[in-house]
Amino acid sequence: MTAEVGALLRLARVKRGISLRGLAGEIGVSPSLISQVETGKTQPSVSTLYALSNFLGISMDDLLSSDTHVSEGESNIAASGPSPFLHGPQPPVQHGNDNPRLEMDNGVRWERLAIGEGGPVEPLLVTYSPGASSSIEGKLMRHGGFEYAFILEGELTLQLEFDTHVLTAGDSLQFDSIRPHMYTNHGAVAARGVWHVVGRRQQNQSLPVAPSRPLDAVRSKAPELSSAVDVLKAMEHGIAHQS
């Protein structure tokens, strides 16, 4: 499914008139990495994927939709708006073999569980292979919503701000996902759990949309952004001004 996600990210970027170099500078990664993600040649890390989706206004539903198909000629995507990729009603039952899957860098896999159209919850079955981490750069990530998880098997280390928590089968967690955090599997076997992120879609819809004008004009009115965390801080600042 990596190729479809890459094509979706590229289409969102092009529709907003953002260059590879401009987008890379805004979220703190290299243009070549974004190019490889867009062409399906490499998988992004969890933190990079969250930074891209937040900046471009794409929901996790869009990224993990089993019926996402995009092409260069597609024109039904607005140049603004938080989640321009629309889907029809979802079935009440989803079998395991039909779970939309997304393989990410460093051995992290997301499987989207059954979800209702426009619902407040993003349910995921998440697997971290031995040595896998949500950020290969060791940077803590932040995103909208509240995070709830139950560990099914293995051992997973959560770094939440300055605190470190080791979770094993039967343990659960919850926190506001805007708090800096990172997951790492330091164990010898895969760690797996069920995640529910509540409210991220609604919070993402309230964030300023990706700019449709040249980024140079945006930079002249905004501080320099050097990382995904800076992007999210800038988005929070925008919300404060709107309220």
Foldseek 3Di string as FASTA:
>chain_A
DQQLLLCVLVVLCVLLVEDLCRLCQQAAHDSVVSVCSNRSNAFAFLQVVQLSLLQSLDDVCQNQPPPRDDDPPDDQAHNWFRHRDADDFFDPADDPVRFRWDAHPQAKIWTFHDDTGPAQKTKIKIKHFAFGKSDPVPWFHAAAFKKKKAKQAAWKWKDFAPDIDIDGHGDMDIDGRRTTMMMTHNDNGMIIMMMMGGRRSVVSRLFGHNHSDYVVVVCVVDPRRNHSNSSVVVRVVVSVVVD
